């Protein structure tokens, strides 16, 4: 997977499909937003009160469907 302590910009630069997944889930995500240079995935999990493992499992399914 990815290092969830990296910034969202770093994560989505390394894995652009994750950015697409976030948008598909209704996140107002764009790498043009300067906050992506500061916020980590762990921050997103905490603020949005996500089940981290379930969210990442859903992403893995999303990724597999696009392979």
Protein backbone atom coordinates (compact mmCIF):
# COMPACT_ATOMS: atom_id res chain seq x y z
CA UNK A 1 0.00 0.00 0.00
CA UNK A 2 1.42 3.42 0.87
CA UNK A 3 2.95 5.22 3.82
CA UNK A 4 -0.07 6.91 5.41
CA UNK A 5 2.16 9.44 7.17
CA UNK A 6 3.11 10.98 3.82
CA UNK A 7 1.19 14.01 2.65
CA UNK A 8 -1.82 13.48 0.45
CA UNK A 9 0.04 15.14 -2.40
CA UNK A 10 2.93 12.68 -2.06
CA UNK A 11 0.57 9.70 -1.87
CA UNK A 12 -1.48 10.69 -4.90
CA UNK A 13 1.57 11.65 -6.93
CA UNK A 14 2.93 8.15 -6.34
CA UNK A 15 -0.50 6.54 -6.85
CA UNK A 16 -2.76 8.72 -9.05
CA UNK A 17 -5.52 6.12 -8.94
CA UNK A 18 -5.93 6.86 -5.22
CA UNK A 19 -6.81 10.46 -6.09
CA UNK A 20 -9.45 9.16 -8.50
CA UNK A 21 -10.79 6.86 -5.79
CA UNK A 22 -11.06 9.73 -3.30
CA UNK A 23 -13.07 11.78 -5.78
CA UNK A 24 -15.32 8.78 -6.50
CA UNK A 25 -16.01 8.58 -2.74
CA UNK A 26 -17.13 12.21 -2.65
CA UNK A 27 -13.97 13.76 -1.27
CA UNK A 28 -13.36 17.26 -2.61
CA UNK A 29 -9.86 16.24 -3.61
CA UNK A 30 -7.48 17.88 -6.05
CA UNK A 31 -3.69 18.03 -5.90
CA UNK A 32 -3.96 21.71 -6.80
CA UNK A 33 -5.29 22.39 -3.31
CA UNK A 34 -2.34 23.58 -1.16
CA UNK A 35 -3.68 21.72 1.89
CA UNK A 36 -2.63 18.45 0.21
CA UNK A 37 0.97 19.44 0.95
CA UNK A 38 0.23 19.40 4.68
CA UNK A 39 -2.47 16.79 5.33
CA UNK A 40 -1.59 13.12 5.64
CA UNK A 41 -3.87 10.16 5.05
CA UNK A 42 -3.80 9.55 8.81
CA UNK A 43 -5.15 13.10 9.26
CA UNK A 44 -7.97 12.37 6.81
CA UNK A 45 -8.83 9.17 8.65
CA UNK A 46 -9.03 11.04 11.95
CA UNK A 47 -10.99 14.05 10.69
CA UNK A 48 -13.45 11.98 8.65
CA UNK A 49 -13.62 9.26 11.32
CA UNK A 50 -12.98 6.58 8.72
CA UNK A 51 -12.43 2.93 9.37
CA UNK A 52 -8.91 2.96 7.96
CA UNK A 53 -8.70 -0.74 7.15
CA UNK A 54 -12.16 -0.87 5.55
CA UNK A 55 -11.44 2.23 3.47
CA UNK A 56 -8.13 0.80 2.23
CA UNK A 57 -9.75 -2.57 1.50
CA UNK A 58 -12.37 -0.78 -0.59
CA UNK A 59 -9.57 1.00 -2.42
CA UNK A 60 -7.88 -2.32 -3.15
CA UNK A 61 -11.15 -3.55 -4.69
CA UNK A 62 -11.39 -0.34 -6.73
CA UNK A 63 -7.82 -0.77 -7.93
CA UNK A 64 -8.34 -4.43 -8.82
CA UNK A 65 -11.46 -3.56 -10.83
CA UNK A 66 -9.42 -1.10 -12.89
CA UNK A 67 -6.50 -3.47 -13.55
